[in-house]
Amino acid sequence: MTYEERETKYYESEELKHGLRNNTDKVSLFRLKRQAETPQRFVSSFLSQRGLEPKMAEYRFVNNWSQIVGEGIAAHAKPMMLKNRILYIGVSSASWMQELSFQKMFILSKLNEFFGQKNRVIDLKFISNK
């Protein structure tokens, strides 16, 4: 049952209507609205309680790869793995591997701008995607 369905069911319940008529349930209705959690907040708190937030940061980074490095680079290079703050990037050809090695500092700065201080990438390793 979705959040909206639960909320609708609660608002349509006879208990609530009876309580509001008797003016006894206004405080609990206020608490329900105040404690209502959006799906994003629920998922975020669930992941942080289980220590999975760094993995989610990694996932957001993969989804935003083309925005971080640009469409041209993203067409020929894909992030493969992030391990010990080293990003392994799969590259389509040797010429692109060389080009990316020239742009390594630029890519690192863009990545660290995206990640922030908490999850800085310290190095890039380019591997053949063949």
Foldseek 3Di string as FASTA:
>chain_A
DDPVVVVVCVVPDPVVVVCVVVVNCPVVVVVCVVPDDDPVRVVVVVCVVVVNVVVVLVVVCQVCVCVLPHVVLCVFKHFDDQDPLETEIEGADPVSVVVCVVCFVVSQVSVCVSVDPPRRRDYYHYDYPD
